[in-house]
Amino acid sequence: MSAVNSIVAIYSTHEQAEAAVKELQQSGVDMKSLSIAAKNTHTDEHVIGYYNAGDRMKYWGKLGAFWGGFWGLLFGSAMFAIPGIGPILVAGPLVAWIIAGLEGAVVVGGVSAVGAGLVSIGIPKDSVLQYDTALKTDKFLLIVHGSPDQVEHAKTIIEGTEHTSYTVHGETVTA
């Protein structure tokens, strides 16, 4: 069994997060290993809606093109109403991790449902609390989860993007 790692990057704007996803995609990163999560902000300014259209979830609101693009590109999508944070939109395998964390009662004191999903894949609780804070302050989380080599490849790409910060979790890879 191969070791599994993750890299979590924090972005201040949806434009920065979207540019990073495009860079990762163009560099050959498997989109099934990528997740994005963000708070659903500005709900008082625009009509907001979520609906299922065949096998795809659709978003209707201020960032509709942003989320619609991810939901077509990434594997899985959901909206969670998380106490203390508010509505969170999630695309990618993080959706399944959150559900598994909630169904398996992995929820660790002081972390959100998103945090429970991250803890379930081995991200330390102190880092998870940092990511919950980032979501509360309208930041965007970008997670790439995979083998050490896949995460190292993603790290080299993320380093060149306009991130606020990033952290690699798991086994250290030496090139």
N, C-alpha and C. Protein backbone atom coordinates (compact mmCIF):
# COMPACT_ATOMS: atom_id res chain seq x y z
N MET A 1 0.85 -1.18 0.00
CA MET A 1 0.00 0.00 0.00
C MET A 1 0.89 1.24 0.00
N SER A 2 0.61 2.20 -0.86
CA SER A 2 1.45 3.39 -0.94
C SER A 2 1.00 4.43 0.08
N ALA A 3 1.96 5.23 0.50
CA ALA A 3 1.66 6.31 1.45
C ALA A 3 0.80 7.35 0.74
N VAL A 4 -0.06 8.00 1.48
CA VAL A 4 -0.94 9.01 0.91
C VAL A 4 -0.66 10.33 1.59
N ASN A 5 -0.58 11.37 0.82
CA ASN A 5 -0.30 12.72 1.30
C ASN A 5 -1.35 13.69 0.80
N SER A 6 -1.30 14.89 1.37
CA SER A 6 -2.17 15.96 0.92
C SER A 6 -1.40 17.27 0.96
N ILE A 7 -1.81 18.18 0.11
CA ILE A 7 -1.37 19.56 0.20
C ILE A 7 -2.63 20.40 0.26
N VAL A 8 -2.65 21.34 1.20
CA VAL A 8 -3.79 22.24 1.35
C VAL A 8 -3.27 23.66 1.15
N ALA A 9 -3.83 24.36 0.18
CA ALA A 9 -3.45 25.73 -0.10
C ALA A 9 -4.64 26.63 0.19
N ILE A 10 -4.36 27.81 0.69
CA ILE A 10 -5.39 28.81 1.00
C ILE A 10 -5.25 29.96 0.01
N TYR A 11 -6.38 30.35 -0.58
CA TYR A 11 -6.43 31.47 -1.52
C TYR A 11 -7.40 32.52 -1.03
N SER A 12 -7.07 33.77 -1.27
CA SER A 12 -7.92 34.88 -0.81
C SER A 12 -9.11 35.15 -1.70
N THR A 13 -8.98 34.87 -3.01
CA THR A 13 -10.06 35.18 -3.94
C THR A 13 -10.40 33.97 -4.81
N HIS A 14 -11.60 34.00 -5.37
CA HIS A 14 -11.97 32.91 -6.27
C HIS A 14 -11.15 32.95 -7.55
N GLU A 15 -10.72 34.13 -7.97
CA GLU A 15 -9.88 34.23 -9.16
C GLU A 15 -8.54 33.51 -8.94
N GLN A 16 -7.94 33.70 -7.75
CA GLN A 16 -6.67 33.04 -7.45
C GLN A 16 -6.85 31.52 -7.39
N ALA A 17 -7.92 31.07 -6.75
CA ALA A 17 -8.19 29.63 -6.65
C ALA A 17 -8.44 29.03 -8.02
N GLU A 18 -9.20 29.73 -8.84
CA GLU A 18 -9.51 29.24 -10.18
C GLU A 18 -8.24 29.16 -11.03
N ALA A 19 -7.38 30.16 -10.94
CA ALA A 19 -6.12 30.14 -11.69
C ALA A 19 -5.25 28.96 -11.26
N ALA A 20 -5.23 28.68 -9.96
CA ALA A 20 -4.44 27.55 -9.45
C ALA A 20 -4.98 26.23 -9.99
N VAL A 21 -6.30 26.07 -10.00
CA VAL A 21 -6.90 24.83 -10.52
C VAL A 21 -6.54 24.67 -12.00
N LYS A 22 -6.60 25.75 -12.75
CA LYS A 22 -6.25 25.67 -14.18
C LYS A 22 -4.79 25.28 -14.37
N GLU A 23 -3.91 25.84 -13.54
CA GLU A 23 -2.48 25.49 -13.61
C GLU A 23 -2.28 24.01 -13.30
N LEU A 24 -2.96 23.53 -12.26
CA LEU A 24 -2.85 22.12 -11.88
C LEU A 24 -3.35 21.22 -13.01
N GLN A 25 -4.48 21.59 -13.60
CA GLN A 25 -5.05 20.79 -14.68
C GLN A 25 -4.11 20.76 -15.89
N GLN A 26 -3.59 21.92 -16.27
CA GLN A 26 -2.69 22.00 -17.43
C GLN A 26 -1.38 21.25 -17.19
N SER A 27 -1.01 21.07 -15.93
CA SER A 27 0.23 20.37 -15.58
C SER A 27 0.02 18.88 -15.40
N GLY A 28 -1.18 18.41 -15.67
CA GLY A 28 -1.44 16.98 -15.64
C GLY A 28 -1.83 16.41 -14.30
N VAL A 29 -2.16 17.26 -13.32
CA VAL A 29 -2.62 16.75 -12.03
C VAL A 29 -4.00 16.13 -12.22
N ASP A 30 -4.19 14.94 -11.67
CA ASP A 30 -5.46 14.22 -11.77
C ASP A 30 -6.54 15.03 -11.06
N MET A 31 -7.53 15.48 -11.79
CA MET A 31 -8.59 16.30 -11.21
C MET A 31 -9.43 15.54 -10.18
N LYS A 32 -9.39 14.21 -10.23
CA LYS A 32 -10.12 13.42 -9.23
C LYS A 32 -9.45 13.46 -7.87
N SER A 33 -8.22 13.99 -7.80
CA SER A 33 -7.51 14.09 -6.53
C SER A 33 -7.63 15.49 -5.94
N LEU A 34 -8.35 16.38 -6.60
CA LEU A 34 -8.41 17.78 -6.20
C LEU A 34 -9.78 18.12 -5.63
N SER A 35 -9.77 18.90 -4.53
CA SER A 35 -11.01 19.39 -3.92
C SER A 35 -10.88 20.89 -3.70
N ILE A 36 -12.02 21.56 -3.67
CA ILE A 36 -12.05 22.98 -3.32
C ILE A 36 -13.24 23.21 -2.41
N ALA A 37 -13.04 24.09 -1.42
CA ALA A 37 -14.12 24.42 -0.48
C ALA A 37 -14.07 25.91 -0.21
N ALA A 38 -15.25 26.51 -0.07
CA ALA A 38 -15.33 27.94 0.23
C ALA A 38 -16.69 28.25 0.82
N LYS A 39 -16.72 29.33 1.55
CA LYS A 39 -17.96 29.80 2.14
C LYS A 39 -18.82 30.41 1.04
N ASN A 40 -20.11 30.16 1.13
CA ASN A 40 -21.05 30.74 0.17
C ASN A 40 -21.40 32.15 0.65
N THR A 41 -20.67 33.14 0.15
CA THR A 41 -20.84 34.51 0.61
C THR A 41 -21.78 35.29 -0.29
N HIS A 42 -22.12 36.45 0.15
CA HIS A 42 -22.93 37.40 -0.61
C HIS A 42 -24.33 36.89 -0.93
N THR A 43 -24.89 36.07 -0.06
CA THR A 43 -26.22 35.54 -0.32
C THR A 43 -27.29 36.61 -0.25
N ASP A 44 -27.00 37.73 0.42
CA ASP A 44 -28.00 38.79 0.49
C ASP A 44 -27.99 39.68 -0.75
N GLU A 45 -27.01 39.50 -1.63
CA GLU A 45 -26.90 40.34 -2.81
C GLU A 45 -27.50 39.72 -4.07
N HIS A 46 -27.60 38.40 -4.10
CA HIS A 46 -28.05 37.69 -5.30
C HIS A 46 -28.92 36.51 -4.92
N VAL A 47 -29.78 36.14 -5.85
CA VAL A 47 -30.55 34.92 -5.68
C VAL A 47 -29.57 33.75 -5.73
N ILE A 48 -29.70 32.84 -4.79
CA ILE A 48 -28.81 31.68 -4.72
C ILE A 48 -29.64 30.43 -4.89
N GLY A 49 -29.14 29.48 -5.66
CA GLY A 49 -29.84 28.22 -5.82
C GLY A 49 -28.87 27.11 -6.18
N TYR A 50 -29.26 25.91 -5.81
CA TYR A 50 -28.51 24.70 -6.15
C TYR A 50 -29.52 23.74 -6.73
N TYR A 51 -29.19 23.10 -7.81
CA TYR A 51 -30.11 22.12 -8.35
C TYR A 51 -29.32 21.07 -9.12
N ASN A 52 -29.94 19.94 -9.28
CA ASN A 52 -29.31 18.83 -9.97
C ASN A 52 -29.85 18.80 -11.39
N ALA A 53 -28.94 18.79 -12.36
CA ALA A 53 -29.33 18.72 -13.76
C ALA A 53 -28.70 17.47 -14.35
N GLY A 54 -29.42 16.38 -14.32
CA GLY A 54 -28.85 15.11 -14.78
C GLY A 54 -27.83 14.61 -13.79
N ASP A 55 -26.58 14.46 -14.24
CA ASP A 55 -25.54 13.97 -13.35
C ASP A 55 -24.66 15.09 -12.81
N ARG A 56 -25.09 16.35 -12.99
CA ARG A 56 -24.29 17.48 -12.52
C ARG A 56 -25.10 18.38 -11.62
N MET A 57 -24.44 18.91 -10.61
CA MET A 57 -25.06 19.88 -9.73
C MET A 57 -24.82 21.27 -10.33
N LYS A 58 -25.82 22.11 -10.28
CA LYS A 58 -25.71 23.47 -10.82
C LYS A 58 -25.83 24.47 -9.68
N TYR A 59 -25.16 25.61 -9.85
CA TYR A 59 -25.20 26.68 -8.86
C TYR A 59 -25.68 27.94 -9.56
N TRP A 60 -26.59 28.61 -8.91
CA TRP A 60 -27.15 29.83 -9.46
C TRP A 60 -26.90 30.93 -8.45
N GLY A 61 -26.05 31.87 -8.77
CA GLY A 61 -25.70 32.93 -7.84
C GLY A 61 -24.53 33.74 -8.37
N LYS A 62 -23.99 34.62 -7.52
CA LYS A 62 -22.94 35.55 -7.91
C LYS A 62 -21.73 34.84 -8.52
N LEU A 63 -21.30 33.72 -7.94
CA LEU A 63 -20.13 33.00 -8.43
C LEU A 63 -20.54 31.75 -9.22
N GLY A 64 -21.67 31.81 -9.90
CA GLY A 64 -22.20 30.66 -10.63
C GLY A 64 -21.23 30.08 -11.64
N ALA A 65 -20.56 30.94 -12.42
CA ALA A 65 -19.62 30.43 -13.42
C ALA A 65 -18.43 29.75 -12.74
N PHE A 66 -17.96 30.31 -11.65
CA PHE A 66 -16.84 29.74 -10.89
C PHE A 66 -17.19 28.34 -10.40
N TRP A 67 -18.30 28.22 -9.64
CA TRP A 67 -18.68 26.92 -9.09
C TRP A 67 -19.15 25.96 -10.17
N GLY A 68 -19.86 26.45 -11.15
CA GLY A 68 -20.33 25.58 -12.23
C GLY A 68 -19.17 24.93 -12.96
N GLY A 69 -18.10 25.68 -13.16
CA GLY A 69 -16.92 25.13 -13.82
C GLY A 69 -16.27 24.03 -12.99
N PHE A 70 -16.17 24.24 -11.68
CA PHE A 70 -15.56 23.22 -10.82
C PHE A 70 -16.44 21.98 -10.74
N TRP A 71 -17.74 22.17 -10.62
CA TRP A 71 -18.63 21.03 -10.48
C TRP A 71 -18.64 20.17 -11.74
N GLY A 72 -18.31 20.75 -12.87
CA GLY A 72 -18.20 19.96 -14.08
C GLY A 72 -16.84 19.28 -14.21
N LEU A 73 -15.83 19.86 -13.55
CA LEU A 73 -14.45 19.39 -13.68
C LEU A 73 -14.05 18.41 -12.59
N LEU A 74 -14.52 18.66 -11.37
CA LEU A 74 -14.10 17.87 -10.21
C LEU A 74 -15.12 16.79 -9.90
N PHE A 75 -14.68 15.78 -9.17
CA PHE A 75 -15.49 14.61 -8.86
C PHE A 75 -16.28 14.84 -7.58
N GLY A 76 -17.60 15.08 -7.70
CA GLY A 76 -18.46 15.28 -6.54
C GLY A 76 -18.67 16.74 -6.21
N SER A 77 -19.85 17.07 -5.70
CA SER A 77 -20.14 18.44 -5.30
C SER A 77 -21.24 18.43 -4.24
N ALA A 78 -21.21 19.44 -3.37
CA ALA A 78 -22.21 19.52 -2.31
C ALA A 78 -22.21 20.90 -1.70
N MET A 79 -23.27 21.17 -0.96
CA MET A 79 -23.35 22.36 -0.13
C MET A 79 -23.70 21.87 1.27
N PHE A 80 -22.94 22.35 2.26
CA PHE A 80 -23.18 22.00 3.65
C PHE A 80 -23.45 23.28 4.43
N ALA A 81 -24.42 23.25 5.33
CA ALA A 81 -24.66 24.36 6.26
C ALA A 81 -23.95 23.97 7.55
N ILE A 82 -22.85 24.65 7.85
CA ILE A 82 -22.01 24.28 8.98
C ILE A 82 -22.14 25.32 10.08
N PRO A 83 -22.61 24.90 11.27
CA PRO A 83 -22.73 25.85 12.39
C PRO A 83 -21.39 26.53 12.67
N GLY A 84 -21.44 27.84 12.87
CA GLY A 84 -20.24 28.61 13.17
C GLY A 84 -19.51 29.10 11.95
N ILE A 85 -19.77 28.50 10.80
CA ILE A 85 -19.12 28.93 9.56
C ILE A 85 -20.16 29.45 8.58
N GLY A 86 -21.25 28.70 8.42
CA GLY A 86 -22.29 29.07 7.47
C GLY A 86 -22.31 28.10 6.31
N PRO A 87 -22.96 28.50 5.21
CA PRO A 87 -23.03 27.60 4.06
C PRO A 87 -21.67 27.48 3.38
N ILE A 88 -21.23 26.23 3.16
CA ILE A 88 -19.96 25.93 2.52
C ILE A 88 -20.24 25.14 1.24
N LEU A 89 -19.63 25.56 0.15
CA LEU A 89 -19.71 24.83 -1.10
C LEU A 89 -18.43 24.01 -1.24
N VAL A 90 -18.58 22.76 -1.66
CA VAL A 90 -17.45 21.85 -1.76
C VAL A 90 -17.54 21.11 -3.09
N ALA A 91 -16.39 20.97 -3.75
CA ALA A 91 -16.30 20.16 -4.97
C ALA A 91 -15.08 19.25 -4.84
N GLY A 92 -15.21 18.02 -5.31
CA GLY A 92 -14.11 17.07 -5.27
C GLY A 92 -14.30 16.00 -4.21
N PRO A 93 -13.29 15.16 -4.00
CA PRO A 93 -13.41 14.04 -3.06
C PRO A 93 -13.63 14.47 -1.61
N LEU A 94 -13.38 15.73 -1.28
CA LEU A 94 -13.65 16.22 0.07
C LEU A 94 -15.11 16.00 0.44
N VAL A 95 -16.01 16.02 -0.53
CA VAL A 95 -17.44 15.77 -0.26
C VAL A 95 -17.60 14.40 0.41
N ALA A 96 -17.00 13.37 -0.18
CA ALA A 96 -17.10 12.01 0.38
C ALA A 96 -16.41 11.92 1.72
N TRP A 97 -15.28 12.61 1.89
CA TRP A 97 -14.56 12.57 3.17
C TRP A 97 -15.39 13.19 4.28
N ILE A 98 -16.09 14.29 3.95
CA ILE A 98 -16.95 14.95 4.95
C ILE A 98 -18.07 14.00 5.36
N ILE A 99 -18.72 13.41 4.37
CA ILE A 99 -19.83 12.49 4.65
C ILE A 99 -19.33 11.30 5.46
N ALA A 100 -18.19 10.73 5.08
CA ALA A 100 -17.62 9.60 5.83
C ALA A 100 -17.27 10.01 7.25
N GLY A 101 -16.72 11.21 7.40
CA GLY A 101 -16.38 11.71 8.74
C GLY A 101 -17.61 11.89 9.61
N LEU A 102 -18.68 12.39 9.02
CA LEU A 102 -19.92 12.60 9.77
C LEU A 102 -20.62 11.28 10.08
N GLU A 103 -20.69 10.40 9.09
CA GLU A 103 -21.35 9.12 9.30
C GLU A 103 -20.57 8.22 10.24
N GLY A 104 -19.25 8.34 10.23
CA GLY A 104 -18.41 7.50 11.08
C GLY A 104 -18.14 8.12 12.43
N ALA A 105 -18.81 9.22 12.74
CA ALA A 105 -18.62 9.92 14.01
C ALA A 105 -17.16 10.26 14.25
N VAL A 106 -16.46 10.67 13.18
CA VAL A 106 -15.06 11.06 13.30
C VAL A 106 -14.95 12.49 13.79
N VAL A 107 -16.07 13.19 13.91
CA VAL A 107 -16.04 14.60 14.28
C VAL A 107 -15.28 14.75 15.60
N VAL A 108 -14.21 15.54 15.52
CA VAL A 108 -13.35 15.77 16.67
C VAL A 108 -13.75 17.10 17.27
N GLY A 109 -13.79 17.19 18.59
CA GLY A 109 -14.20 18.42 19.25
C GLY A 109 -13.54 19.65 18.67
N GLY A 110 -14.35 20.65 18.37
CA GLY A 110 -13.84 21.93 17.91
C GLY A 110 -13.63 22.05 16.41
N VAL A 111 -13.85 20.99 15.64
CA VAL A 111 -13.69 21.12 14.20
C VAL A 111 -15.04 21.00 13.52
N SER A 112 -15.14 21.62 12.36
CA SER A 112 -16.38 21.60 11.58
C SER A 112 -16.51 20.28 10.83
N ALA A 113 -17.58 20.17 10.04
CA ALA A 113 -17.77 19.00 9.19
C ALA A 113 -16.65 18.92 8.16
N VAL A 114 -16.22 20.06 7.61
CA VAL A 114 -15.09 20.07 6.68
C VAL A 114 -13.86 19.56 7.41
N GLY A 115 -13.67 20.03 8.64
CA GLY A 115 -12.55 19.58 9.45
C GLY A 115 -12.59 18.08 9.70
N ALA A 116 -13.77 17.55 9.95
CA ALA A 116 -13.92 16.10 10.17
C ALA A 116 -13.47 15.33 8.93
N GLY A 117 -13.82 15.84 7.76
CA GLY A 117 -13.39 15.20 6.52
C GLY A 117 -11.89 15.23 6.36
N LEU A 118 -11.27 16.35 6.71
CA LEU A 118 -9.82 16.47 6.60
C LEU A 118 -9.10 15.60 7.63
N VAL A 119 -9.63 15.55 8.85
CA VAL A 119 -9.05 14.69 9.89
C VAL A 119 -9.12 13.23 9.43
N SER A 120 -10.21 12.86 8.76
CA SER A 120 -10.38 11.47 8.33
C SER A 120 -9.33 11.02 7.31
N ILE A 121 -8.66 11.96 6.64
CA ILE A 121 -7.60 11.58 5.70
C ILE A 121 -6.22 11.85 6.28
N GLY A 122 -6.16 12.12 7.59
CA GLY A 122 -4.88 12.22 8.26
C GLY A 122 -4.31 13.61 8.45
N ILE A 123 -5.08 14.65 8.17
CA ILE A 123 -4.58 16.00 8.40
C ILE A 123 -4.74 16.32 9.89
N PRO A 124 -3.67 16.82 10.54
CA PRO A 124 -3.71 17.07 11.98
C PRO A 124 -4.75 18.12 12.38
N LYS A 125 -5.29 17.91 13.58
CA LYS A 125 -6.35 18.78 14.07
C LYS A 125 -5.92 20.25 14.14
N ASP A 126 -4.68 20.55 14.53
CA ASP A 126 -4.26 21.95 14.61
C ASP A 126 -4.29 22.62 13.23
N SER A 127 -3.94 21.88 12.20
CA SER A 127 -4.03 22.42 10.84
C SER A 127 -5.47 22.58 10.41
N VAL A 128 -6.31 21.61 10.77
CA VAL A 128 -7.72 21.66 10.43
C VAL A 128 -8.37 22.90 11.03
N LEU A 129 -8.01 23.25 12.25
CA LEU A 129 -8.56 24.45 12.88
C LEU A 129 -8.16 25.69 12.08
N GLN A 130 -6.96 25.72 11.56
CA GLN A 130 -6.50 26.82 10.71
C GLN A 130 -7.35 26.89 9.43
N TYR A 131 -7.67 25.74 8.86
CA TYR A 131 -8.47 25.72 7.63
C TYR A 131 -9.91 26.13 7.91
N ASP A 132 -10.46 25.73 9.06
CA ASP A 132 -11.80 26.20 9.44
C ASP A 132 -11.82 27.72 9.56
N THR A 133 -10.78 28.28 10.16
CA THR A 133 -10.68 29.74 10.30
C THR A 133 -10.60 30.40 8.92
N ALA A 134 -9.85 29.81 8.02
CA ALA A 134 -9.75 30.35 6.66
C ALA A 134 -11.13 30.38 6.00
N LEU A 135 -11.90 29.30 6.15
CA LEU A 135 -13.25 29.28 5.58
C LEU A 135 -14.14 30.34 6.21
N LYS A 136 -14.04 30.49 7.54
CA LYS A 136 -14.86 31.50 8.23
C LYS A 136 -14.56 32.91 7.72
N THR A 137 -13.34 33.14 7.26
CA THR A 137 -12.94 34.48 6.80
C THR A 137 -12.96 34.57 5.27
N ASP A 138 -13.83 33.75 4.64
CA ASP A 138 -14.10 33.83 3.21
C ASP A 138 -12.92 33.48 2.31
N LYS A 139 -12.03 32.65 2.78
CA LYS A 139 -10.92 32.17 1.96
C LYS A 139 -11.35 30.90 1.22
N PHE A 140 -10.55 30.48 0.27
CA PHE A 140 -10.81 29.29 -0.53
C PHE A 140 -9.75 28.25 -0.21
N LEU A 141 -10.18 27.02 0.08
CA LEU A 141 -9.25 25.92 0.34
C LEU A 141 -9.15 25.07 -0.92
N LEU A 142 -7.93 24.78 -1.31
CA LEU A 142 -7.66 23.89 -2.43
C LEU A 142 -6.85 22.72 -1.89
N ILE A 143 -7.36 21.51 -2.07
CA ILE A 143 -6.73 20.32 -1.51
C ILE A 143 -6.40 19.36 -2.65
N VAL A 144 -5.15 18.90 -2.67
CA VAL A 144 -4.75 17.83 -3.58
C VAL A 144 -4.31 16.68 -2.69
N HIS A 145 -4.90 15.50 -2.92
CA HIS A 145 -4.68 14.34 -2.08
C HIS A 145 -4.26 13.19 -2.96
N GLY A 146 -3.12 12.57 -2.64
CA GLY A 146 -2.66 11.46 -3.46
C GLY A 146 -1.37 10.88 -2.95
N SER A 147 -0.65 10.22 -3.83
CA SER A 147 0.64 9.62 -3.47
C SER A 147 1.65 10.73 -3.19
N PRO A 148 2.75 10.40 -2.52
CA PRO A 148 3.78 11.42 -2.28
C PRO A 148 4.26 12.09 -3.57
N ASP A 149 4.43 11.32 -4.64
CA ASP A 149 4.89 11.92 -5.90
C ASP A 149 3.84 12.86 -6.49
N GLN A 150 2.56 12.47 -6.42
CA GLN A 150 1.49 13.34 -6.94
C GLN A 150 1.42 14.64 -6.15
N VAL A 151 1.54 14.54 -4.84
CA VAL A 151 1.47 15.74 -4.00
C VAL A 151 2.70 16.62 -4.22
N GLU A 152 3.86 16.02 -4.39
CA GLU A 152 5.08 16.79 -4.67
C GLU A 152 4.94 17.54 -6.00
N HIS A 153 4.38 16.89 -7.01
CA HIS A 153 4.14 17.54 -8.30
C HIS A 153 3.17 18.72 -8.13
N ALA A 154 2.09 18.51 -7.40
CA ALA A 154 1.13 19.58 -7.15
C ALA A 154 1.77 20.73 -6.38
N LYS A 155 2.64 20.39 -5.43
CA LYS A 155 3.32 21.41 -4.62
C LYS A 155 4.14 22.35 -5.50
N THR A 156 4.86 21.79 -6.47
CA THR A 156 5.69 22.65 -7.33
C THR A 156 4.82 23.62 -8.14
N ILE A 157 3.62 23.20 -8.48
CA ILE A 157 2.71 24.07 -9.22
C ILE A 157 2.09 25.11 -8.29
N ILE A 158 1.63 24.66 -7.13
CA ILE A 158 0.99 25.57 -6.17
C ILE A 158 1.96 26.65 -5.71
N GLU A 159 3.24 26.30 -5.56
CA GLU A 159 4.24 27.29 -5.15
C GLU A 159 4.28 28.49 -6.10
N GLY A 160 3.96 28.28 -7.37
CA GLY A 160 3.99 29.35 -8.35
C GLY A 160 2.69 30.12 -8.49
N THR A 161 1.70 29.81 -7.63
CA THR A 161 0.41 30.50 -7.70
C THR A 161 0.31 31.56 -6.61
N GLU A 162 -0.71 32.40 -6.70
CA GLU A 162 -0.94 33.47 -5.73
C GLU A 162 -1.69 32.97 -4.51
N HIS A 163 -1.07 32.10 -3.74
CA HIS A 163 -1.69 31.56 -2.53
C HIS A 163 -1.38 32.43 -1.32
N THR A 164 -2.21 32.30 -0.30
CA THR A 164 -1.93 32.95 0.98
C THR A 164 -0.92 32.10 1.74
N SER A 165 -1.14 30.78 1.73
CA SER A 165 -0.23 29.82 2.36
C SER A 165 -0.56 28.44 1.83
N TYR A 166 0.36 27.50 2.07
CA TYR A 166 0.08 26.10 1.78
C TYR A 166 0.85 25.25 2.77
N THR A 167 0.34 24.04 2.99
CA THR A 167 0.98 23.09 3.88
C THR A 167 0.88 21.70 3.27
N VAL A 168 1.98 20.98 3.28
CA VAL A 168 2.00 19.59 2.84
C VAL A 168 1.84 18.73 4.08
N HIS A 169 0.93 17.77 4.03
CA HIS A 169 0.68 16.86 5.14
C HIS A 169 1.03 15.45 4.72
N GLY A 170 1.69 14.71 5.59
CA GLY A 170 2.01 13.31 5.31
C GLY A 170 3.49 13.10 5.22
N GLU A 171 3.85 12.06 4.53
CA GLU A 171 5.23 11.65 4.37
C GLU A 171 6.01 12.68 3.56
N THR A 172 7.22 13.00 4.00
CA THR A 172 8.07 13.96 3.28
C THR A 172 8.67 13.27 2.06
N VAL A 173 8.65 13.98 0.94
CA VAL A 173 9.17 13.44 -0.30
C VAL A 173 10.50 14.10 -0.59
N THR A 174 11.53 13.33 -0.87
CA THR A 174 12.80 13.90 -1.26
C THR A 174 13.02 13.64 -2.74
N ALA A 175 13.37 14.69 -3.44
CA ALA A 175 13.53 14.58 -4.90
C ALA A 175 14.92 14.12 -5.25
